[in-house]
C-alpha atoms as a PDB file:
ATOM      1  CA  UNK A   1     -29.218   6.029 -67.300  1.00  0.00           C
ATOM      2  CA  UNK A   2     -29.974   7.249 -71.061  1.00  0.00           C
ATOM      3  CA  UNK A   3     -32.166   7.417 -74.047  1.00  0.00           C
ATOM      4  CA  UNK A   4     -30.546   4.664 -75.731  1.00  0.00           C
ATOM      5  CA  UNK A   5     -31.624   2.433 -72.966  1.00  0.00           C
ATOM      6  CA  UNK A   6     -35.346   2.719 -74.031  1.00  0.00           C
ATOM      7  CA  UNK A   7     -34.836   3.091 -77.604  1.00  0.00           C
ATOM      8  CA  UNK A   8     -37.022   0.387 -79.890  1.00  0.00           C
ATOM      9  CA  UNK A   9     -38.572  -1.259 -76.465  1.00  0.00           C
ATOM     10  CA  UNK A  10     -42.385  -2.226 -75.691  1.00  0.00           C
ATOM     11  CA  UNK A  11     -44.610  -0.865 -73.402  1.00  0.00           C
ATOM     12  CA  UNK A  12     -46.723  -3.671 -72.225  1.00  0.00           C
ATOM     13  CA  UNK A  13     -47.147  -3.205 -68.526  1.00  0.00           C
ATOM     14  CA  UNK A  14     -44.556  -1.741 -66.076  1.00  0.00           C
ATOM     15  CA  UNK A  15     -43.806  -4.948 -64.699  1.00  0.00           C
ATOM     16  CA  UNK A  16     -40.880  -4.789 -67.419  1.00  0.00           C
ATOM     17  CA  UNK A  17     -39.229  -1.474 -66.144  1.00  0.00           C
ATOM     18  CA  UNK A  18     -37.009  -0.942 -63.427  1.00  0.00           C
ATOM     19  CA  UNK A  19     -37.970   1.502 -60.217  1.00  0.00           C
ATOM     20  CA  UNK A  20     -34.814   4.093 -62.412  1.00  0.00           C
ATOM     21  CA  UNK A  21     -35.975   3.122 -65.802  1.00  0.00           C
ATOM     22  CA  UNK A  22     -39.559   4.683 -64.291  1.00  0.00           C
ATOM     23  CA  UNK A  23     -37.740   7.385 -62.506  1.00  0.00           C
ATOM     24  CA  UNK A  24     -36.076   8.368 -65.988  1.00  0.00           C
ATOM     25  CA  UNK A  25     -39.384   8.694 -67.687  1.00  0.00           C
ATOM     26  CA  UNK A  26     -41.046  10.441 -65.234  1.00  0.00           C
ATOM     27  CA  UNK A  27     -38.014  13.441 -65.643  1.00  0.00           C
ATOM     28  CA  UNK A  28     -38.615  13.262 -69.310  1.00  0.00           C
ATOM     29  CA  UNK A  29     -42.179  13.803 -69.266  1.00  0.00           C
ATOM     30  CA  UNK A  30     -41.470  16.524 -66.443  1.00  0.00           C
ATOM     31  CA  UNK A  31     -38.606  18.057 -69.165  1.00  0.00           C
ATOM     32  CA  UNK A  32     -41.470  17.971 -72.233  1.00  0.00           C
ATOM     33  CA  UNK A  33     -44.257  19.507 -69.682  1.00  0.00           C
ATOM     34  CA  UNK A  34     -42.221  22.194 -68.958  1.00  0.00           C
ATOM     35  CA  UNK A  35     -40.746  23.014 -72.702  1.00  0.00           C
ATOM     36  CA  UNK A  36     -44.556  23.029 -73.251  1.00  0.00           C
ATOM     37  CA  UNK A  37     -45.220  25.652 -70.795  1.00  0.00           C
ATOM     38  CA  UNK A  38     -42.676  27.684 -71.745  1.00  0.00           C
ATOM     39  CA  UNK A  39     -44.166  27.465 -75.540  1.00  0.00           C
ATOM     40  CA  UNK A  40     -40.686  25.942 -76.928  1.00  0.00           C
ATOM     41  CA  UNK A  41     -40.850  23.291 -79.766  1.00  0.00           C
ATOM     42  CA  UNK A  42     -40.372  20.446 -79.487  1.00  0.00           C
ATOM     43  CA  UNK A  43     -41.122  18.510 -82.884  1.00  0.00           C
ATOM     44  CA  UNK A  44     -38.386  16.296 -82.315  1.00  0.00           C
ATOM     45  CA  UNK A  45     -40.180  13.116 -83.876  1.00  0.00           C
ATOM     46  CA  UNK A  46     -40.612  15.451 -87.092  1.00  0.00           C
ATOM     47  CA  UNK A  47     -41.662  12.501 -90.046  1.00  0.00           C
ATOM     48  CA  UNK A  48     -42.517   9.707 -87.694  1.00  0.00           C
ATOM     49  CA  UNK A  49     -46.142   8.136 -87.661  1.00  0.00           C
ATOM     50  CA  UNK A  50     -47.954   5.794 -85.078  1.00  0.00           C
ATOM     51  CA  UNK A  51     -50.736   4.202 -85.844  1.00  0.00           C
ATOM     52  CA  UNK A  52     -53.779   3.998 -82.929  1.00  0.00           C
ATOM     53  CA  UNK A  53     -55.982   0.989 -82.502  1.00  0.00           C
ATOM     54  CA  UNK A  54     -59.085   1.172 -80.092  1.00  0.00           C
ATOM     55  CA  UNK A  55     -61.239  -1.836 -79.124  1.00  0.00           C
ATOM     56  CA  UNK A  56     -62.446   0.719 -76.446  1.00  0.00           C
ATOM     57  CA  UNK A  57     -64.053   3.598 -75.970  1.00  0.00           C
ATOM     58  CA  UNK A  58     -61.494   6.617 -75.580  1.00  0.00           C
ATOM     59  CA  UNK A  59     -61.880  10.250 -74.164  1.00  0.00           C
ATOM     60  CA  UNK A  60     -57.829  10.924 -72.199  1.00  0.00           C
ATOM     61  CA  UNK A  61     -56.126   8.503 -73.869  1.00  0.00           C
ATOM     62  CA  UNK A  62     -56.705   9.345 -77.435  1.00  0.00           C
ATOM     63  CA  UNK A  63     -56.802  12.738 -76.910  1.00  0.00           C
ATOM     64  CA  UNK A  64     -54.061  12.676 -74.939  1.00  0.00           C
ATOM     65  CA  UNK A  65     -51.651  10.636 -77.410  1.00  0.00           C
ATOM     66  CA  UNK A  66     -53.006  12.552 -80.787  1.00  0.00           C
ATOM     67  CA  UNK A  67     -51.959  15.909 -78.886  1.00  0.00           C
ATOM     68  CA  UNK A  68     -48.697  14.604 -77.920  1.00  0.00           C
ATOM     69  CA  UNK A  69     -47.869  13.256 -81.395  1.00  0.00           C
ATOM     70  CA  UNK A  70     -48.607  16.602 -83.034  1.00  0.00           C
ATOM     71  CA  UNK A  71     -46.414  18.108 -80.279  1.00  0.00           C
ATOM     72  CA  UNK A  72     -43.789  15.841 -81.030  1.00  0.00           C
ATOM     73  CA  UNK A  73     -44.515  16.470 -85.071  1.00  0.00           C
ATOM     74  CA  UNK A  74     -45.890  12.990 -85.519  1.00  0.00           C
ATOM     75  CA  UNK A  75     -48.601  11.605 -88.103  1.00  0.00           C
ATOM     76  CA  UNK A  76     -51.269   9.327 -85.898  1.00  0.00           C
ATOM     77  CA  UNK A  77     -53.888   7.415 -87.577  1.00  0.00           C
ATOM     78  CA  UNK A  78     -56.579   6.457 -85.405  1.00  0.00           C
ATOM     79  CA  UNK A  79     -58.975   3.331 -86.025  1.00  0.00           C
ATOM     80  CA  UNK A  80     -61.309   0.782 -84.589  1.00  0.00           C
ATOM     81  CA  UNK A  81     -61.361  -2.926 -85.320  1.00  0.00           C
ATOM     82  CA  UNK A  82     -64.310  -2.808 -87.259  1.00  0.00           C
ATOM     83  CA  UNK A  83     -63.214  -0.675 -90.137  1.00  0.00           C
ATOM     84  CA  UNK A  84     -60.181  -2.948 -90.509  1.00  0.00           C
ATOM     85  CA  UNK A  85     -60.150  -6.440 -92.342  1.00  0.00           C
ATOM     86  CA  UNK A  86     -58.903  -7.701 -88.422  1.00  0.00           C
ATOM     87  CA  UNK A  87     -63.254  -7.460 -88.899  1.00  0.00           C
ATOM     88  CA  UNK A  88     -63.425 -10.425 -91.093  1.00  0.00           C
ATOM     89  CA  UNK A  89     -60.860 -12.561 -89.536  1.00  0.00           C
ATOM     90  CA  UNK A  90     -57.324 -11.446 -90.430  1.00  0.00           C
ATOM     91  CA  UNK A  91     -55.062 -12.974 -87.718  1.00  0.00           C
ATOM     92  CA  UNK A  92     -53.112 -10.391 -85.501  1.00  0.00           C
ATOM     93  CA  UNK A  93     -49.794 -12.018 -86.931  1.00  0.00           C
ATOM     94  CA  UNK A  94     -50.501 -10.666 -90.461  1.00  0.00           C
ATOM     95  CA  UNK A  95     -52.091  -7.377 -88.823  1.00  0.00           C
ATOM     96  CA  UNK A  96     -49.383  -6.478 -86.996  1.00  0.00           C
ATOM     97  CA  UNK A  97     -46.383  -7.248 -89.723  1.00  0.00           C
ATOM     98  CA  UNK A  98     -48.263  -4.563 -92.069  1.00  0.00           C
ATOM     99  CA  UNK A  99     -48.765  -1.750 -89.397  1.00  0.00           C
ATOM    100  CA  UNK A 100     -45.129  -2.500 -89.304  1.00  0.00           C
ATOM    101  CA  UNK A 101     -44.120  -1.924 -92.352  1.00  0.00           C
ATOM    102  CA  UNK A 102     -46.413   1.319 -92.598  1.00  0.00           C
ATOM    103  CA  UNK A 103     -45.953   3.190 -88.693  1.00  0.00           C
ATOM    104  CA  UNK A 104     -43.163   3.412 -86.616  1.00  0.00           C
ATOM    105  CA  UNK A 105     -45.537   2.639 -82.873  1.00  0.00           C
ATOM    106  CA  UNK A 106     -48.648   1.533 -82.437  1.00  0.00           C
ATOM    107  CA  UNK A 107     -51.207   2.512 -79.673  1.00  0.00           C
ATOM    108  CA  UNK A 108     -53.324  -0.110 -78.864  1.00  0.00           C
ATOM    109  CA  UNK A 109     -56.419  -0.362 -75.984  1.00  0.00           C
ATOM    110  CA  UNK A 110     -57.930  -3.600 -76.096  1.00  0.00           C
ATOM    111  CA  UNK A 111     -59.694  -6.274 -73.951  1.00  0.00           C
ATOM    112  CA  UNK A 112     -56.938  -8.999 -72.798  1.00  0.00           C
ATOM    113  CA  UNK A 113     -52.710  -8.653 -72.566  1.00  0.00           C
ATOM    114  CA  UNK A 114     -52.585 -11.200 -74.970  1.00  0.00           C
ATOM    115  CA  UNK A 115     -53.797  -9.146 -77.466  1.00  0.00           C
ATOM    116  CA  UNK A 116     -51.479  -6.356 -77.170  1.00  0.00           C
ATOM    117  CA  UNK A 117     -48.886  -9.128 -76.519  1.00  0.00           C
ATOM    118  CA  UNK A 118     -49.349 -10.648 -79.658  1.00  0.00           C
ATOM    119  CA  UNK A 119     -49.063  -7.125 -81.590  1.00  0.00           C
ATOM    120  CA  UNK A 120     -45.595  -7.371 -79.720  1.00  0.00           C
ATOM    121  CA  UNK A 121     -44.262 -10.244 -80.461  1.00  0.00           C
ATOM    122  CA  UNK A 122     -44.836  -9.751 -84.402  1.00  0.00           C
ATOM    123  CA  UNK A 123     -43.974  -6.134 -84.678  1.00  0.00           C
ATOM    124  CA  UNK A 124     -40.291  -4.478 -84.881  1.00  0.00           C
ATOM    125  CA  UNK A 125     -41.248  -1.210 -83.922  1.00  0.00           C
ATOM    126  CA  UNK A 126     -42.456  -0.118 -80.522  1.00  0.00           C
ATOM    127  CA  UNK A 127     -46.052  -1.226 -79.128  1.00  0.00           C
ATOM    128  CA  UNK A 128     -47.475   0.768 -76.340  1.00  0.00           C
ATOM    129  CA  UNK A 129     -50.144  -0.499 -74.108  1.00  0.00           C
ATOM    130  CA  UNK A 130     -53.097   2.006 -73.986  1.00  0.00           C
ATOM    131  CA  UNK A 131     -54.930  -0.188 -71.871  1.00  0.00           C
ATOM    132  CA  UNK A 132     -55.582  -3.297 -71.417  1.00  0.00           C
ATOM    133  CA  UNK A 133     -58.167  -5.617 -68.544  1.00  0.00           C
ATOM    134  CA  UNK A 134     -54.746  -6.559 -67.031  1.00  0.00           C
ATOM    135  CA  UNK A 135     -53.065  -3.220 -66.762  1.00  0.00           C
ATOM    136  CA  UNK A 136     -52.965   0.640 -67.641  1.00  0.00           C
ATOM    137  CA  UNK A 137     -49.138   1.543 -67.430  1.00  0.00           C
ATOM    138  CA  UNK A 138     -49.725   5.052 -69.133  1.00  0.00           C
ATOM    139  CA  UNK A 139     -52.356   5.875 -66.437  1.00  0.00           C
ATOM    140  CA  UNK A 140     -50.260   5.145 -63.762  1.00  0.00           C
ATOM    141  CA  UNK A 141     -46.987   7.268 -65.078  1.00  0.00           C
ATOM    142  CA  UNK A 142     -49.591  10.097 -65.109  1.00  0.00           C
ATOM    143  CA  UNK A 143     -50.730   9.260 -61.285  1.00  0.00           C
ATOM    144  CA  UNK A 144     -46.772   9.153 -60.627  1.00  0.00           C
ATOM    145  CA  UNK A 145     -45.987  12.491 -62.017  1.00  0.00           C
ATOM    146  CA  UNK A 146     -48.768  13.774 -60.627  1.00  0.00           C
ATOM    147  CA  UNK A 147     -48.049  12.707 -57.184  1.00  0.00           C
ATOM    148  CA  UNK A 148     -44.739  13.801 -57.492  1.00  0.00           C
ATOM    149  CA  UNK A 149     -45.483  17.609 -58.433  1.00  0.00           C
ATOM    150  CA  UNK A 150     -48.532  17.919 -55.070  1.00  0.00           C
ATOM    151  CA  UNK A 151     -46.190  15.595 -52.845  1.00  0.00           C
ATOM    152  CA  UNK A 152     -42.856  16.187 -54.019  1.00  0.00           C
ATOM    153  CA  UNK A 153     -41.846  12.322 -53.870  1.00  0.00           C
ATOM    154  CA  UNK A 154     -42.827   8.605 -54.242  1.00  0.00           C
ATOM    155  CA  UNK A 155     -41.298   7.033 -51.400  1.00  0.00           C
ATOM    156  CA  UNK A 156     -42.659   6.822 -48.421  1.00  0.00           C
ATOM    157  CA  UNK A 157     -46.516   8.120 -49.653  1.00  0.00           C
ATOM    158  CA  UNK A 158     -49.749   6.645 -48.476  1.00  0.00           C
ATOM    159  CA  UNK A 159     -52.359   5.910 -50.815  1.00  0.00           C
ATOM    160  CA  UNK A 160     -55.498   4.745 -50.367  1.00  0.00           C
ATOM    161  CA  UNK A 161     -57.487   2.797 -53.723  1.00  0.00           C
ATOM    162  CA  UNK A 162     -61.364   2.347 -53.080  1.00  0.00           C
ATOM    163  CA  UNK A 163     -62.785   1.132 -56.675  1.00  0.00           C
ATOM    164  CA  UNK A 164     -62.868  -1.885 -59.180  1.00  0.00           C
ATOM    165  CA  UNK A 165     -59.971  -4.265 -58.870  1.00  0.00           C
ATOM    166  CA  UNK A 166     -58.871  -4.209 -62.252  1.00  0.00           C
ATOM    167  CA  UNK A 167     -56.527  -2.674 -64.523  1.00  0.00           C
ATOM    168  CA  UNK A 168     -55.545   0.847 -62.865  1.00  0.00           C
ATOM    169  CA  UNK A 169     -56.001  -1.181 -59.119  1.00  0.00           C
ATOM    170  CA  UNK A 170     -53.353  -3.085 -60.562  1.00  0.00           C
ATOM    171  CA  UNK A 171     -51.365  -0.804 -61.917  1.00  0.00           C
ATOM    172  CA  UNK A 172     -50.898   0.877 -58.809  1.00  0.00           C
ATOM    173  CA  UNK A 173     -50.492  -2.100 -56.377  1.00  0.00           C
ATOM    174  CA  UNK A 174     -47.488  -2.658 -59.521  1.00  0.00           C
ATOM    175  CA  UNK A 175     -46.271   1.022 -58.337  1.00  0.00           C
ATOM    176  CA  UNK A 176     -46.099   0.550 -54.946  1.00  0.00           C
ATOM    177  CA  UNK A 177     -44.072  -2.462 -54.800  1.00  0.00           C
ATOM    178  CA  UNK A 178     -41.734  -1.117 -57.033  1.00  0.00           C
ATOM    179  CA  UNK A 179     -41.590   3.166 -55.961  1.00  0.00           C
ATOM    180  CA  UNK A 180     -41.749   2.532 -52.226  1.00  0.00           C
ATOM    181  CA  UNK A 181     -45.074   4.009 -52.661  1.00  0.00           C
ATOM    182  CA  UNK A 182     -47.525   2.633 -49.461  1.00  0.00           C
ATOM    183  CA  UNK A 183     -50.916   1.726 -51.875  1.00  0.00           C
ATOM    184  CA  UNK A 184     -53.643   0.066 -49.516  1.00  0.00           C
ATOM    185  CA  UNK A 185     -56.539  -1.659 -51.899  1.00  0.00           C
ATOM    186  CA  UNK A 186     -60.139  -1.281 -49.947  1.00  0.00           C
ATOM    187  CA  UNK A 187     -62.174  -3.110 -51.089  1.00  0.00           C
ATOM    188  CA  UNK A 188     -65.466  -5.852 -50.546  1.00  0.00           C
ATOM    189  CA  UNK A 189     -64.104  -9.506 -49.777  1.00  0.00           C
ATOM    190  CA  UNK A 190     -64.640 -11.567 -52.763  1.00  0.00           C
ATOM    191  CA  UNK A 191     -63.236  -8.760 -55.101  1.00  0.00           C
ATOM    192  CA  UNK A 192     -59.726  -9.634 -55.636  1.00  0.00           C
ATOM    193  CA  UNK A 193     -56.391  -8.992 -58.024  1.00  0.00           C
ATOM    194  CA  UNK A 194     -55.491 -10.654 -60.781  1.00  0.00           C
ATOM    195  CA  UNK A 195     -53.342 -13.794 -59.923  1.00  0.00           C
ATOM    196  CA  UNK A 196     -50.419 -12.568 -62.144  1.00  0.00           C
ATOM    197  CA  UNK A 197     -50.114  -9.466 -60.542  1.00  0.00           C
ATOM    198  CA  UNK A 198     -49.996 -10.927 -57.129  1.00  0.00           C
ATOM    199  CA  UNK A 199     -47.426 -13.408 -58.029  1.00  0.00           C
ATOM    200  CA  UNK A 200     -44.976 -10.531 -59.568  1.00  0.00           C
ATOM    201  CA  UNK A 201     -45.695  -8.022 -56.773  1.00  0.00           C
ATOM    202  CA  UNK A 202     -44.598 -11.251 -53.985  1.00  0.00           C
ATOM    203  CA  UNK A 203     -41.305 -11.292 -55.942  1.00  0.00           C
ATOM    204  CA  UNK A 204     -40.411  -7.795 -55.366  1.00  0.00           C
ATOM    205  CA  UNK A 205     -38.281  -6.147 -52.354  1.00  0.00           C
ATOM    206  CA  UNK A 206     -41.686  -3.916 -52.081  1.00  0.00           C
ATOM    207  CA  UNK A 207     -44.012  -6.294 -51.819  1.00  0.00           C
ATOM    208  CA  UNK A 208     -44.758  -5.193 -48.266  1.00  0.00           C
ATOM    209  CA  UNK A 209     -45.382  -1.784 -49.661  1.00  0.00           C
ATOM    210  CA  UNK A 210     -49.173  -3.181 -50.998  1.00  0.00           C
ATOM    211  CA  UNK A 211     -52.096  -4.233 -48.562  1.00  0.00           C
ATOM    212  CA  UNK A 212     -55.643  -5.836 -49.496  1.00  0.00           C
ATOM    213  CA  UNK A 213     -57.983  -4.826 -46.842  1.00  0.00           C
ATOM    214  CA  UNK A 214     -61.936  -4.988 -46.773  1.00  0.00           C
ATOM    215  CA  UNK A 215     -61.470  -2.201 -44.176  1.00  0.00           C
ATOM    216  CA  UNK A 216     -62.199   1.119 -45.837  1.00  0.00           C
ATOM    217  CA  UNK A 217     -61.351   3.184 -42.608  1.00  0.00           C
ATOM    218  CA  UNK A 218     -57.617   1.458 -42.236  1.00  0.00           C
ATOM    219  CA  UNK A 219     -56.712   1.922 -45.932  1.00  0.00           C
ATOM    220  CA  UNK A 220     -57.908   6.141 -45.097  1.00  0.00           C
ATOM    221  CA  UNK A 221     -56.390   6.592 -42.047  1.00  0.00           C
ATOM    222  CA  UNK A 222     -53.475   8.646 -42.557  1.00  0.00           C
ATOM    223  CA  UNK A 223     -53.495   8.472 -46.318  1.00  0.00           C
ATOM    224  CA  UNK A 224     -51.203  11.376 -48.697  1.00  0.00           C
ATOM    225  CA  UNK A 225     -53.365  10.403 -51.697  1.00  0.00           C
ATOM    226  CA  UNK A 226     -56.785   8.999 -51.765  1.00  0.00           C
ATOM    227  CA  UNK A 227     -57.799   7.538 -54.994  1.00  0.00           C
ATOM    228  CA  UNK A 228     -61.203   6.725 -56.239  1.00  0.00           C
ATOM    229  CA  UNK A 229     -62.147   4.618 -59.268  1.00  0.00           C
ATOM    230  CA  UNK A 230     -65.809   3.853 -60.544  1.00  0.00           C
ATOM    231  CA  UNK A 231     -67.411   0.137 -59.252  1.00  0.00           C
ATOM    232  CA  UNK A 232     -68.213  -1.185 -62.979  1.00  0.00           C
ATOM    233  CA  UNK A 233     -65.201  -0.989 -65.067  1.00  0.00           C
ATOM    234  CA  UNK A 234     -66.061  -1.709 -68.979  1.00  0.00           C
ATOM    235  CA  UNK A 235     -67.506  -4.867 -69.511  1.00  0.00           C
ATOM    236  CA  UNK A 236     -68.394  -5.123 -65.912  1.00  0.00           C
ATOM    237  CA  UNK A 237     -71.886  -7.372 -64.969  1.00  0.00           C
ATOM    238  CA  UNK A 238     -73.708  -7.536 -62.102  1.00  0.00           C
ATOM    239  CA  UNK A 239     -74.158  -3.824 -62.058  1.00  0.00           C
ATOM    240  CA  UNK A 240     -76.501  -3.936 -59.312  1.00  0.00           C
ATOM    241  CA  UNK A 241     -75.051  -6.141 -56.601  1.00  0.00           C
ATOM    242  CA  UNK A 242     -71.602  -4.311 -56.947  1.00  0.00           C
ATOM    243  CA  UNK A 243     -73.961  -0.888 -56.616  1.00  0.00           C
ATOM    244  CA  UNK A 244     -74.658  -2.557 -53.307  1.00  0.00           C
ATOM    245  CA  UNK A 245     -71.217  -4.413 -52.305  1.00  0.00           C
ATOM    246  CA  UNK A 246     -69.165  -1.119 -53.038  1.00  0.00           C
ATOM    247  CA  UNK A 247     -71.637   1.679 -51.952  1.00  0.00           C
ATOM    248  CA  UNK A 248     -69.609   1.977 -47.971  1.00  0.00           C
ATOM    249  CA  UNK A 249     -66.760   2.947 -50.394  1.00  0.00           C
ATOM    250  CA  UNK A 250     -67.766   5.950 -51.830  1.00  0.00           C
ATOM    251  CA  UNK A 251     -64.939   8.905 -51.937  1.00  0.00           C
ATOM    252  CA  UNK A 252     -66.959  11.555 -50.021  1.00  0.00           C
ATOM    253  CA  UNK A 253     -66.355  14.353 -47.389  1.00  0.00           C
ATOM    254  CA  UNK A 254     -66.321  12.036 -44.524  1.00  0.00           C
ATOM    255  CA  UNK A 255     -63.942   9.891 -46.389  1.00  0.00           C
ATOM    256  CA  UNK A 256     -61.407  12.300 -46.978  1.00  0.00           C
ATOM    257  CA  UNK A 257     -61.244  13.650 -43.609  1.00  0.00           C
ATOM    258  CA  UNK A 258     -59.785  10.409 -42.476  1.00  0.00           C
ATOM    259  CA  UNK A 259     -56.633  10.573 -44.847  1.00  0.00           C
ATOM    260  CA  UNK A 260     -54.651  13.647 -43.932  1.00  0.00           C
ATOM    261  CA  UNK A 261     -55.952  17.200 -43.786  1.00  0.00           C
ATOM    262  CA  UNK A 262     -53.380  18.235 -46.663  1.00  0.00           C
ATOM    263  CA  UNK A 263     -54.290  14.823 -48.682  1.00  0.00           C
ATOM    264  CA  UNK A 264     -54.992  15.132 -52.534  1.00  0.00           C
ATOM    265  CA  UNK A 265     -57.780  13.319 -54.199  1.00  0.00           C
ATOM    266  CA  UNK A 266     -57.471  11.238 -57.556  1.00  0.00           C
ATOM    267  CA  UNK A 267     -59.593  10.082 -60.249  1.00  0.00           C
ATOM    268  CA  UNK A 268     -58.442   8.449 -63.473  1.00  0.00           C
ATOM    269  CA  UNK A 269     -61.869   9.226 -64.822  1.00  0.00           C
ATOM    270  CA  UNK A 270     -64.163   9.112 -66.176  1.00  0.00           C
ATOM    271  CA  UNK A 271     -66.222   9.006 -62.760  1.00  0.00           C
ATOM    272  CA  UNK A 272     -69.786   8.440 -61.858  1.00  0.00           C
ATOM    273  CA  UNK A 273     -70.781  11.576 -59.019  1.00  0.00           C
ATOM    274  CA  UNK A 274     -72.982  10.050 -56.814  1.00  0.00           C
ATOM    275  CA  UNK A 275     -71.575   6.518 -56.847  1.00  0.00           C
ATOM    276  CA  UNK A 276     -67.823   6.013 -56.431  1.00  0.00           C
ATOM    277  CA  UNK A 277     -67.057   9.464 -55.570  1.00  0.00           C
ATOM    278  CA  UNK A 278     -69.146  12.819 -54.679  1.00  0.00           C
ATOM    279  CA  UNK A 279     -69.556  15.985 -56.342  1.00  0.00           C
ATOM    280  CA  UNK A 280     -68.446  17.795 -53.773  1.00  0.00           C
ATOM    281  CA  UNK A 281     -65.339  16.001 -53.173  1.00  0.00           C
ATOM    282  CA  UNK A 282     -63.879  15.719 -57.137  1.00  0.00           C
ATOM    283  CA  UNK A 283     -65.059  19.520 -57.348  1.00  0.00           C
ATOM    284  CA  UNK A 284     -63.144  20.733 -54.108  1.00  0.00           C
ATOM    285  CA  UNK A 285     -59.662  22.002 -53.229  1.00  0.00           C
ATOM    286  CA  UNK A 286     -58.323  18.164 -52.431  1.00  0.00           C
ATOM    287  CA  UNK A 287     -59.471  17.241 -56.469  1.00  0.00           C
ATOM    288  CA  UNK A 288     -56.321  16.859 -58.539  1.00  0.00           C
ATOM    289  CA  UNK A 289     -58.314  15.313 -61.471  1.00  0.00           C
ATOM    290  CA  UNK A 290     -57.187  17.127 -64.522  1.00  0.00           C
ATOM    291  CA  UNK A 291     -53.809  17.481 -63.731  1.00  0.00           C
ATOM    292  CA  UNK A 292     -53.799  14.013 -63.629  1.00  0.00           C
ATOM    293  CA  UNK A 293     -55.621  14.022 -66.864  1.00  0.00           C
ATOM    294  CA  UNK A 294     -53.178  16.820 -68.114  1.00  0.00           C
ATOM    295  CA  UNK A 295     -50.319  14.722 -67.215  1.00  0.00           C
ATOM    296  CA  UNK A 296     -51.927  11.534 -69.569  1.00  0.00           C
ATOM    297  CA  UNK A 297     -50.315  13.639 -72.078  1.00  0.00           C
ATOM    298  CA  UNK A 298     -46.642  14.554 -70.880  1.00  0.00           C
ATOM    299  CA  UNK A 299     -46.094  11.248 -69.733  1.00  0.00           C
ATOM    300  CA  UNK A 300     -47.507   9.586 -73.046  1.00  0.00           C
ATOM    301  CA  UNK A 301     -45.049  11.642 -74.955  1.00  0.00           C
ATOM    302  CA  UNK A 302     -42.150  10.812 -72.625  1.00  0.00           C
ATOM    303  CA  UNK A 303     -42.092   7.254 -73.642  1.00  0.00           C
ATOM    304  CA  UNK A 304     -42.856   7.877 -77.041  1.00  0.00           C
ATOM    305  CA  UNK A 305     -39.674  10.717 -77.394  1.00  0.00           C
ATOM    306  CA  UNK A 306     -37.557   7.429 -75.253  1.00  0.00           C
ATOM    307  CA  UNK A 307     -38.650   4.482 -77.303  1.00  0.00           C
ATOM    308  CA  UNK A 308     -38.246   6.353 -80.470  1.00  0.00           C
ATOM    309  CA  UNK A 309     -35.149   7.708 -80.007  1.00  0.00           C
END
């Protein structure tokens, strides 16, 4: 695999990348992380510029991207639609072509996948999906790097997920079908993954690696990784009903005991202690949530480095 294979490409979803390409991104991320740990300067994108449009609130995504840009020698510019002419109705196709004349890359955190795809359609520079309602591919890379670091591999790892069947869940399901992980999604009946994601998974050789079930115990038994997530993602309605439906799916010490003794606990954050996870678990010895949060920065740096090579 060569860096040139990635130059100029958008990063909109992991569904656009092969297992070998994903593996190369992870290798690049590990190398950049090691350079930072050694105190080795790596401002390899000096003079490049990055635009960030965020239509949703953010802590990890915004700070990790901006810190990563600084490490790579880039200038980053953060904005929200309320301070752009988009607020007054300027179409995406005009905004995109203007940004394309100023910046080398765009990160976008938005609602519909169609919005980030429209920016990509009208920009020659790479567009990076920093989260949509459909998928969260930057989080997916951070998750894989974290699992590799703590388990030494991805292939054959059993991951049990409990939480909203939304962008992070979709991404983990895609990872399972591509990278040989056994991904079990435990959720109440009636909360189903997006048809587009299901259709993609069904076309993959690893389609059998992904199981969606209402059996919490079946999903957790023998798991190498226990992954909790919020029960109510940004913009979710019917909060009281969700709290009732997902209540039996809380990751607590009893749930962790169903997994392997050396299982790690993951959460993309923000989490709601006392709802989707307990304080005892997230602060416990099996928790790697802050390694996971840190790895957002290293994997995002890898994406930038490769698409701007």
